[in-house]
Amino acid sequence: IKRNGNLRYTIRPIREAIEIFHARQLSAVERAAE
């Protein structure tokens, strides 16, 4: 029987996470300005 397993977590490299974080902050600032 096929069942749901646990989530598989992947730790992203910190530099990649920082780029994503800054991109999201920038888009939030742009939306607020609009």
PDB file of all heavy atoms in Angstrom:
ATOM      1  N   ILE A   1       0.850  -1.190   0.000  1.00  0.00           N
ATOM      2  CA  ILE A   1       0.000   0.000   0.000  1.00  0.00           C
ATOM      3  C   ILE A   1       0.884   1.236   0.000  1.00  0.00           C
ATOM      4  O   ILE A   1       1.822   1.351   0.787  1.00  0.00           O
ATOM      5  CB  ILE A   1      -0.922   0.008   1.235  1.00  0.00           C
ATOM      6  CG1 ILE A   1      -1.801  -1.247   1.239  1.00  0.00           C
ATOM      7  CG2 ILE A   1      -1.773   1.277   1.267  1.00  0.00           C
ATOM      8  CD1 ILE A   1      -2.562  -1.457   2.532  1.00  0.00           C
ATOM      9  N   LYS A   2       0.570   2.169  -0.892  1.00  0.00           N
ATOM     10  CA  LYS A   2       1.334   3.411  -0.989  1.00  0.00           C
ATOM     11  C   LYS A   2       0.788   4.412   0.033  1.00  0.00           C
ATOM     12  O   LYS A   2      -0.416   4.656   0.097  1.00  0.00           O
ATOM     13  CB  LYS A   2       1.221   3.974  -2.402  1.00  0.00           C
ATOM     14  CG  LYS A   2       2.133   5.116  -2.699  1.00  0.00           C
ATOM     15  CD  LYS A   2       2.015   5.519  -4.166  1.00  0.00           C
ATOM     16  CE  LYS A   2       2.928   6.648  -4.503  1.00  0.00           C
ATOM     17  NZ  LYS A   2       2.808   7.048  -5.898  1.00  0.00           N
ATOM     18  N   ARG A   3       1.682   4.981   0.844  1.00  0.00           N
ATOM     19  CA  ARG A   3       1.310   5.954   1.877  1.00  0.00           C
ATOM     20  C   ARG A   3       2.177   7.201   1.764  1.00  0.00           C
ATOM     21  O   ARG A   3       3.232   7.179   1.142  1.00  0.00           O
ATOM     22  CB  ARG A   3       1.531   5.352   3.269  1.00  0.00           C
ATOM     23  CG  ARG A   3       0.799   4.083   3.518  1.00  0.00           C
ATOM     24  CD  ARG A   3      -0.305   4.333   4.430  1.00  0.00           C
ATOM     25  NE  ARG A   3      -1.023   3.073   4.618  1.00  0.00           N
ATOM     26  CZ  ARG A   3      -2.107   2.977   5.292  1.00  0.00           C
ATOM     27  NH1 ARG A   3      -2.606   4.040   5.843  1.00  0.00           N
ATOM     28  NH2 ARG A   3      -2.721   1.844   5.425  1.00  0.00           N
ATOM     29  N   ASN A   4       1.715   8.263   2.398  1.00  0.00           N
ATOM     30  CA  ASN A   4       2.526   9.473   2.474  1.00  0.00           C
ATOM     31  C   ASN A   4       3.698   9.229   3.412  1.00  0.00           C
ATOM     32  O   ASN A   4       3.530   8.675   4.489  1.00  0.00           O
ATOM     33  CB  ASN A   4       1.714  10.661   2.987  1.00  0.00           C
ATOM     34  CG  ASN A   4       0.700  11.135   1.986  1.00  0.00           C
ATOM     35  OD1 ASN A   4       0.883  10.974   0.797  1.00  0.00           O
ATOM     36  ND2 ASN A   4      -0.388  11.715   2.471  1.00  0.00           N
ATOM     37  N   GLY A   5       4.874   9.678   3.011  1.00  0.00           N
ATOM     38  CA  GLY A   5       6.054   9.572   3.867  1.00  0.00           C
ATOM     39  C   GLY A   5       6.320  10.896   4.549  1.00  0.00           C
ATOM     40  O   GLY A   5       5.484  11.800   4.539  1.00  0.00           O
ATOM     41  N   ASN A   6       7.485  11.019   5.131  1.00  0.00           N
ATOM     42  CA  ASN A   6       7.899  12.277   5.743  1.00  0.00           C
ATOM     43  C   ASN A   6       8.282  13.274   4.654  1.00  0.00           C
ATOM     44  O   ASN A   6       8.575  12.889   3.526  1.00  0.00           O
ATOM     45  CB  ASN A   6       9.122  12.059   6.643  1.00  0.00           C
ATOM     46  CG  ASN A   6       8.822  11.154   7.804  1.00  0.00           C
ATOM     47  OD1 ASN A   6       7.677  10.997   8.200  1.00  0.00           O
ATOM     48  ND2 ASN A   6       9.860  10.553   8.343  1.00  0.00           N
ATOM     49  N   LEU A   7       8.290  14.534   5.015  1.00  0.00           N
ATOM     50  CA  LEU A   7       8.817  15.537   4.097  1.00  0.00           C
ATOM     51  C   LEU A   7      10.319  15.353   3.971  1.00  0.00           C
ATOM     52  O   LEU A   7      10.991  14.977   4.927  1.00  0.00           O
ATOM     53  CB  LEU A   7       8.543  16.947   4.624  1.00  0.00           C
ATOM     54  CG  LEU A   7       7.122  17.478   4.524  1.00  0.00           C
ATOM     55  CD1 LEU A   7       7.036  18.843   5.199  1.00  0.00           C
ATOM     56  CD2 LEU A   7       6.668  17.575   3.101  1.00  0.00           C
ATOM     57  N   ARG A   8      10.845  15.606   2.784  1.00  0.00           N
ATOM     58  CA  ARG A   8      12.298  15.628   2.589  1.00  0.00           C
ATOM     59  C   ARG A   8      12.699  17.089   2.604  1.00  0.00           C
ATOM     60  O   ARG A   8      12.205  17.890   1.820  1.00  0.00           O
ATOM     61  CB  ARG A   8      12.690  14.983   1.263  1.00  0.00           C
ATOM     62  CG  ARG A   8      14.208  15.015   1.050  1.00  0.00           C
ATOM     63  CD  ARG A   8      14.627  14.410  -0.272  1.00  0.00           C
ATOM     64  NE  ARG A   8      14.175  13.035  -0.365  1.00  0.00           N
ATOM     65  CZ  ARG A   8      13.515  12.533  -1.433  1.00  0.00           C
ATOM     66  NH1 ARG A   8      13.257  13.284  -2.465  1.00  0.00           N
ATOM     67  NH2 ARG A   8      13.136  11.280  -1.437  1.00  0.00           N
ATOM     68  N   TYR A   9      13.581  17.433   3.508  1.00  0.00           N
ATOM     69  CA  TYR A   9      14.052  18.804   3.659  1.00  0.00           C
ATOM     70  C   TYR A   9      15.406  18.934   2.987  1.00  0.00           C
ATOM     71  O   TYR A   9      16.274  18.090   3.153  1.00  0.00           O
ATOM     72  CB  TYR A   9      14.200  19.170   5.143  1.00  0.00           C
ATOM     73  CG  TYR A   9      12.930  18.999   5.931  1.00  0.00           C
ATOM     74  CD1 TYR A   9      12.684  17.815   6.628  1.00  0.00           C
ATOM     75  CD2 TYR A   9      11.979  20.001   5.976  1.00  0.00           C
ATOM     76  CE1 TYR A   9      11.518  17.648   7.343  1.00  0.00           C
ATOM     77  CE2 TYR A   9      10.811  19.840   6.696  1.00  0.00           C
ATOM     78  CZ  TYR A   9      10.583  18.658   7.380  1.00  0.00           C
ATOM     79  OH  TYR A   9       9.428  18.504   8.092  1.00  0.00           O
ATOM     80  N   THR A  10      15.572  20.006   2.230  1.00  0.00           N
ATOM     81  CA  THR A  10      16.866  20.309   1.624  1.00  0.00           C
ATOM     82  C   THR A  10      17.303  21.671   2.144  1.00  0.00           C
ATOM     83  O   THR A  10      16.592  22.661   1.980  1.00  0.00           O
ATOM     84  CB  THR A  10      16.771  20.337   0.086  1.00  0.00           C
ATOM     85  OG1 THR A  10      16.263  19.079  -0.371  1.00  0.00           O
ATOM     86  CG2 THR A  10      18.124  20.601  -0.542  1.00  0.00           C
ATOM     87  N   ILE A  11      18.471  21.687   2.770  1.00  0.00           N
ATOM     88  CA  ILE A  11      19.031  22.941   3.275  1.00  0.00           C
ATOM     89  C   ILE A  11      19.666  23.662   2.090  1.00  0.00           C
ATOM     90  O   ILE A  11      20.544  23.133   1.428  1.00  0.00           O
ATOM     91  CB  ILE A  11      20.119  22.681   4.344  1.00  0.00           C
ATOM     92  CG1 ILE A  11      19.599  21.762   5.447  1.00  0.00           C
ATOM     93  CG2 ILE A  11      20.658  24.000   4.892  1.00  0.00           C
ATOM     94  CD1 ILE A  11      18.527  22.334   6.317  1.00  0.00           C
ATOM     95  N   ARG A  12      19.169  24.852   1.812  1.00  0.00           N
ATOM     96  CA  ARG A  12      19.734  25.625   0.702  1.00  0.00           C
ATOM     97  C   ARG A  12      21.028  26.305   1.150  1.00  0.00           C
ATOM     98  O   ARG A  12      21.159  26.688   2.314  1.00  0.00           O
ATOM     99  CB  ARG A  12      18.749  26.691   0.244  1.00  0.00           C
ATOM    100  CG  ARG A  12      17.573  26.130  -0.487  1.00  0.00           C
ATOM    101  CD  ARG A  12      16.839  27.250  -1.166  1.00  0.00           C
ATOM    102  NE  ARG A  12      15.852  26.719  -2.076  1.00  0.00           N
ATOM    103  CZ  ARG A  12      14.628  27.195  -2.192  1.00  0.00           C
ATOM    104  NH1 ARG A  12      14.254  28.226  -1.470  1.00  0.00           N
ATOM    105  NH2 ARG A  12      13.794  26.655  -3.045  1.00  0.00           N
ATOM    106  N   PRO A  13      21.964  26.495   0.222  1.00  0.00           N
ATOM    107  CA  PRO A  13      23.173  27.255   0.567  1.00  0.00           C
ATOM    108  C   PRO A  13      22.773  28.657   1.036  1.00  0.00           C
ATOM    109  O   PRO A  13      21.857  29.273   0.490  1.00  0.00           O
ATOM    110  CB  PRO A  13      23.953  27.316  -0.743  1.00  0.00           C
ATOM    111  CG  PRO A  13      23.444  26.167  -1.546  1.00  0.00           C
ATOM    112  CD  PRO A  13      22.006  25.992  -1.150  1.00  0.00           C
ATOM    113  N   ILE A  14      23.446  29.155   2.039  1.00  0.00           N
ATOM    114  CA  ILE A  14      23.062  30.417   2.673  1.00  0.00           C
ATOM    115  C   ILE A  14      23.103  31.575   1.676  1.00  0.00           C
ATOM    116  O   ILE A  14      22.260  32.468   1.726  1.00  0.00           O
ATOM    117  CB  ILE A  14      23.913  30.694   3.935  1.00  0.00           C
ATOM    118  CG1 ILE A  14      23.288  31.811   4.775  1.00  0.00           C
ATOM    119  CG2 ILE A  14      25.350  30.998   3.582  1.00  0.00           C
ATOM    120  CD1 ILE A  14      22.028  31.440   5.478  1.00  0.00           C
ATOM    121  N   ARG A  15      24.051  31.576   0.763  1.00  0.00           N
ATOM    122  CA  ARG A  15      24.137  32.653  -0.241  1.00  0.00           C
ATOM    123  C   ARG A  15      22.886  32.667  -1.125  1.00  0.00           C
ATOM    124  O   ARG A  15      22.344  33.732  -1.428  1.00  0.00           O
ATOM    125  CB  ARG A  15      25.382  32.502  -1.112  1.00  0.00           C
ATOM    126  CG  ARG A  15      26.654  32.723  -0.376  1.00  0.00           C
ATOM    127  CD  ARG A  15      26.849  34.209  -0.111  1.00  0.00           C
ATOM    128  NE  ARG A  15      27.912  34.390   0.850  1.00  0.00           N
ATOM    129  CZ  ARG A  15      27.890  35.291   1.814  1.00  0.00           C
ATOM    130  NH1 ARG A  15      26.876  36.098   1.937  1.00  0.00           N
ATOM    131  NH2 ARG A  15      28.878  35.393   2.658  1.00  0.00           N
ATOM    132  N   GLU A  16      22.438  31.496  -1.526  1.00  0.00           N
ATOM    133  CA  GLU A  16      21.223  31.388  -2.341  1.00  0.00           C
ATOM    134  C   GLU A  16      20.012  31.892  -1.554  1.00  0.00           C
ATOM    135  O   GLU A  16      19.164  32.614  -2.081  1.00  0.00           O
ATOM    136  CB  GLU A  16      21.031  29.922  -2.740  1.00  0.00           C
ATOM    137  CG  GLU A  16      19.872  29.650  -3.659  1.00  0.00           C
ATOM    138  CD  GLU A  16      19.772  28.174  -3.994  1.00  0.00           C
ATOM    139  OE1 GLU A  16      20.809  27.560  -4.307  1.00  0.00           O
ATOM    140  OE2 GLU A  16      18.641  27.638  -3.933  1.00  0.00           O
ATOM    141  N   ALA A  17      19.931  31.532  -0.287  1.00  0.00           N
ATOM    142  CA  ALA A  17      18.820  31.971   0.560  1.00  0.00           C
ATOM    143  C   ALA A  17      18.824  33.485   0.738  1.00  0.00           C
ATOM    144  O   ALA A  17      17.767  34.128   0.728  1.00  0.00           O
ATOM    145  CB  ALA A  17      18.902  31.274   1.920  1.00  0.00           C
ATOM    146  N   ILE A  18      20.010  34.068   0.878  1.00  0.00           N
ATOM    147  CA  ILE A  18      20.114  35.526   1.023  1.00  0.00           C
ATOM    148  C   ILE A  18      19.643  36.226  -0.248  1.00  0.00           C
ATOM    149  O   ILE A  18      18.928  37.225  -0.194  1.00  0.00           O
ATOM    150  CB  ILE A  18      21.554  35.940   1.391  1.00  0.00           C
ATOM    151  CG1 ILE A  18      21.860  35.502   2.817  1.00  0.00           C
ATOM    152  CG2 ILE A  18      21.766  37.441   1.246  1.00  0.00           C
ATOM    153  CD1 ILE A  18      23.302  35.653   3.224  1.00  0.00           C
ATOM    154  N   GLU A  19      20.005  35.692  -1.412  1.00  0.00           N
ATOM    155  CA  GLU A  19      19.552  36.281  -2.680  1.00  0.00           C
ATOM    156  C   GLU A  19      18.036  36.227  -2.794  1.00  0.00           C
ATOM    157  O   GLU A  19      17.405  37.210  -3.196  1.00  0.00           O
ATOM    158  CB  GLU A  19      20.200  35.546  -3.850  1.00  0.00           C
ATOM    159  CG  GLU A  19      21.682  35.826  -4.005  1.00  0.00           C
ATOM    160  CD  GLU A  19      22.332  34.958  -5.068  1.00  0.00           C
ATOM    161  OE1 GLU A  19      21.610  34.278  -5.823  1.00  0.00           O
ATOM    162  OE2 GLU A  19      23.567  34.956  -5.130  1.00  0.00           O
ATOM    163  N   ILE A  20      17.441  35.100  -2.428  1.00  0.00           N
ATOM    164  CA  ILE A  20      15.978  34.966  -2.452  1.00  0.00           C
ATOM    165  C   ILE A  20      15.350  35.958  -1.479  1.00  0.00           C
ATOM    166  O   ILE A  20      14.372  36.640  -1.810  1.00  0.00           O
ATOM    167  CB  ILE A  20      15.563  33.518  -2.104  1.00  0.00           C
ATOM    168  CG1 ILE A  20      15.992  32.563  -3.219  1.00  0.00           C
ATOM    169  CG2 ILE A  20      14.069  33.424  -1.856  1.00  0.00           C
ATOM    170  CD1 ILE A  20      15.862  31.093  -2.851  1.00  0.00           C
ATOM    171  N   PHE A  21      15.925  36.071  -0.293  1.00  0.00           N
ATOM    172  CA  PHE A  21      15.416  36.977   0.737  1.00  0.00           C
ATOM    173  C   PHE A  21      15.442  38.428   0.253  1.00  0.00           C
ATOM    174  O   PHE A  21      14.455  39.154   0.379  1.00  0.00           O
ATOM    175  CB  PHE A  21      16.264  36.804   2.000  1.00  0.00           C
ATOM    176  CG  PHE A  21      15.883  37.715   3.133  1.00  0.00           C
ATOM    177  CD1 PHE A  21      14.713  37.515   3.841  1.00  0.00           C
ATOM    178  CD2 PHE A  21      16.709  38.770   3.496  1.00  0.00           C
ATOM    179  CE1 PHE A  21      14.375  38.344   4.897  1.00  0.00           C
ATOM    180  CE2 PHE A  21      16.377  39.602   4.547  1.00  0.00           C
ATOM    181  CZ  PHE A  21      15.211  39.391   5.246  1.00  0.00           C
ATOM    182  N   HIS A  22      16.567  38.847  -0.324  1.00  0.00           N
ATOM    183  CA  HIS A  22      16.682  40.225  -0.806  1.00  0.00           C
ATOM    184  C   HIS A  22      15.748  40.484  -1.989  1.00  0.00           C
ATOM    185  O   HIS A  22      15.167  41.566  -2.089  1.00  0.00           O
ATOM    186  CB  HIS A  22      18.122  40.552  -1.182  1.00  0.00           C
ATOM    187  CG  HIS A  22      19.014  40.752   0.002  1.00  0.00           C
ATOM    188  ND1 HIS A  22      18.727  41.618   1.028  1.00  0.00           N
ATOM    189  CD2 HIS A  22      20.195  40.171   0.340  1.00  0.00           C
ATOM    190  CE1 HIS A  22      19.672  41.582   1.941  1.00  0.00           C
ATOM    191  NE2 HIS A  22      20.583  40.700   1.544  1.00  0.00           N
ATOM    192  N   ALA A  23      15.588  39.510  -2.859  1.00  0.00           N
ATOM    193  CA  ALA A  23      14.669  39.664  -3.999  1.00  0.00           C
ATOM    194  C   ALA A  23      13.239  39.842  -3.503  1.00  0.00           C
ATOM    195  O   ALA A  23      12.495  40.676  -4.024  1.00  0.00           O
ATOM    196  CB  ALA A  23      14.776  38.459  -4.926  1.00  0.00           C
ATOM    197  N   ARG A  24      12.855  39.080  -2.490  1.00  0.00           N
ATOM    198  CA  ARG A  24      11.494  39.203  -1.946  1.00  0.00           C
ATOM    199  C   ARG A  24      11.306  40.542  -1.246  1.00  0.00           C
ATOM    200  O   ARG A  24      10.252  41.152  -1.345  1.00  0.00           O
ATOM    201  CB  ARG A  24      11.211  38.056  -0.991  1.00  0.00           C
ATOM    202  CG  ARG A  24      10.999  36.759  -1.716  1.00  0.00           C
ATOM    203  CD  ARG A  24      10.641  35.654  -0.780  1.00  0.00           C
ATOM    204  NE  ARG A  24      10.457  34.423  -1.532  1.00  0.00           N
ATOM    205  CZ  ARG A  24      10.566  33.227  -1.021  1.00  0.00           C
ATOM    206  NH1 ARG A  24      10.839  33.084   0.257  1.00  0.00           N
ATOM    207  NH2 ARG A  24      10.389  32.162  -1.766  1.00  0.00           N
ATOM    208  N   GLN A  25      12.327  41.000  -0.527  1.00  0.00           N
ATOM    209  CA  GLN A  25      12.231  42.305   0.129  1.00  0.00           C
ATOM    210  C   GLN A  25      12.095  43.412  -0.897  1.00  0.00           C
ATOM    211  O   GLN A  25      11.296  44.327  -0.737  1.00  0.00           O
ATOM    212  CB  GLN A  25      13.457  42.555   0.991  1.00  0.00           C
ATOM    213  CG  GLN A  25      13.404  41.911   2.341  1.00  0.00           C
ATOM    214  CD  GLN A  25      14.550  42.371   3.217  1.00  0.00           C
ATOM    215  OE1 GLN A  25      15.634  42.658   2.731  1.00  0.00           O
ATOM    216  NE2 GLN A  25      14.301  42.436   4.509  1.00  0.00           N
ATOM    217  N   LEU A  26      12.872  43.319  -1.971  1.00  0.00           N
ATOM    218  CA  LEU A  26      12.837  44.329  -3.013  1.00  0.00           C
ATOM    219  C   LEU A  26      11.470  44.366  -3.685  1.00  0.00           C
ATOM    220  O   LEU A  26      10.913  45.439  -3.895  1.00  0.00           O
ATOM    221  CB  LEU A  26      13.933  44.061  -4.055  1.00  0.00           C
ATOM    222  CG  LEU A  26      14.098  45.100  -5.155  1.00  0.00           C
ATOM    223  CD1 LEU A  26      14.454  46.455  -4.553  1.00  0.00           C
ATOM    224  CD2 LEU A  26      15.173  44.668  -6.132  1.00  0.00           C
ATOM    225  N   SER A  27      10.910  43.195  -3.984  1.00  0.00           N
ATOM    226  CA  SER A  27       9.595  43.173  -4.635  1.00  0.00           C
ATOM    227  C   SER A  27       8.517  43.697  -3.693  1.00  0.00           C
ATOM    228  O   SER A  27       7.567  44.336  -4.127  1.00  0.00           O
ATOM    229  CB  SER A  27       9.255  41.770  -5.128  1.00  0.00           C
ATOM    230  OG  SER A  27       9.100  40.885  -4.053  1.00  0.00           O
ATOM    231  N   ALA A  28       8.655  43.456  -2.394  1.00  0.00           N
ATOM    232  CA  ALA A  28       7.682  43.980  -1.432  1.00  0.00           C
ATOM    233  C   ALA A  28       7.753  45.502  -1.379  1.00  0.00           C
ATOM    234  O   ALA A  28       6.726  46.183  -1.299  1.00  0.00           O
ATOM    235  CB  ALA A  28       7.931  43.388  -0.049  1.00  0.00           C
ATOM    236  N   VAL A  29       8.964  46.051  -1.428  1.00  0.00           N
ATOM    237  CA  VAL A  29       9.142  47.506  -1.434  1.00  0.00           C
ATOM    238  C   VAL A  29       8.550  48.093  -2.710  1.00  0.00           C
ATOM    239  O   VAL A  29       7.880  49.135  -2.679  1.00  0.00           O
ATOM    240  CB  VAL A  29      10.642  47.870  -1.288  1.00  0.00           C
ATOM    241  CG1 VAL A  29      10.880  49.339  -1.570  1.00  0.00           C
ATOM    242  CG2 VAL A  29      11.136  47.493   0.087  1.00  0.00           C
ATOM    243  N   GLU A  30       8.776  47.441  -3.842  1.00  0.00           N
ATOM    244  CA  GLU A  30       8.221  47.916  -5.117  1.00  0.00           C
ATOM    245  C   GLU A  30       6.699  47.893  -5.095  1.00  0.00           C
ATOM    246  O   GLU A  30       6.048  48.823  -5.578  1.00  0.00           O
ATOM    247  CB  GLU A  30       8.759  47.066  -6.271  1.00  0.00           C
ATOM    248  CG  GLU A  30      10.230  47.298  -6.557  1.00  0.00           C
ATOM    249  CD  GLU A  30      10.788  46.287  -7.548  1.00  0.00           C
ATOM    250  OE1 GLU A  30      10.090  45.305  -7.896  1.00  0.00           O
ATOM    251  OE2 GLU A  30      11.938  46.484  -7.977  1.00  0.00           O
ATOM    252  N   ARG A  31       6.103  46.824  -4.520  1.00  0.00           N
ATOM    253  CA  ARG A  31       4.637  46.744  -4.429  1.00  0.00           C
ATOM    254  C   ARG A  31       4.094  47.859  -3.547  1.00  0.00           C
ATOM    255  O   ARG A  31       3.073  48.470  -3.853  1.00  0.00           O
ATOM    256  CB  ARG A  31       4.209  45.386  -3.900  1.00  0.00           C
ATOM    257  CG  ARG A  31       4.304  44.269  -4.923  1.00  0.00           C
ATOM    258  CD  ARG A  31       3.570  43.024  -4.441  1.00  0.00           C
ATOM    259  NE  ARG A  31       4.054  42.557  -3.141  1.00  0.00           N
ATOM    260  CZ  ARG A  31       4.973  41.631  -2.966  1.00  0.00           C
ATOM    261  NH1 ARG A  31       5.533  41.055  -4.011  1.00  0.00           N
ATOM    262  NH2 ARG A  31       5.342  41.260  -1.757  1.00  0.00           N
ATOM    263  N   ALA A  32       4.782  48.151  -2.450  1.00  0.00           N
ATOM    264  CA  ALA A  32       4.339  49.222  -1.553  1.00  0.00           C
ATOM    265  C   ALA A  32       4.418  50.580  -2.257  1.00  0.00           C
ATOM    266  O   ALA A  32       3.521  51.417  -2.117  1.00  0.00           O
ATOM    267  CB  ALA A  32       5.189  49.228  -0.284  1.00  0.00           C
ATOM    268  N   ALA A  33       5.475  50.778  -3.043  1.00  0.00           N
ATOM    269  CA  ALA A  33       5.622  52.039  -3.792  1.00  0.00           C
ATOM    270  C   ALA A  33       4.502  52.170  -4.825  1.00  0.00           C
ATOM    271  O   ALA A  33       3.955  53.272  -5.016  1.00  0.00           O
ATOM    272  CB  ALA A  33       6.984  52.096  -4.461  1.00  0.00           C
ATOM    273  N   GLU A  34       4.151  51.086  -5.498  1.00  0.00           N
ATOM    274  CA  GLU A  34       3.053  51.112  -6.467  1.00  0.00           C
ATOM    275  C   GLU A  34       1.739  51.463  -5.813  1.00  0.00           C
ATOM    276  O   GLU A  34       0.934  52.224  -6.343  1.00  0.00           O
ATOM    277  CB  GLU A  34       2.942  49.771  -7.190  1.00  0.00           C
ATOM    278  CG  GLU A  34       4.047  49.509  -8.190  1.00  0.00           C
ATOM    279  CD  GLU A  34       3.935  48.119  -8.804  1.00  0.00           C
ATOM    280  OE1 GLU A  34       2.918  47.438  -8.583  1.00  0.00           O
ATOM    281  OE2 GLU A  34       4.877  47.729  -9.502  1.00  0.00           O
TER     282      GLU A  34
END
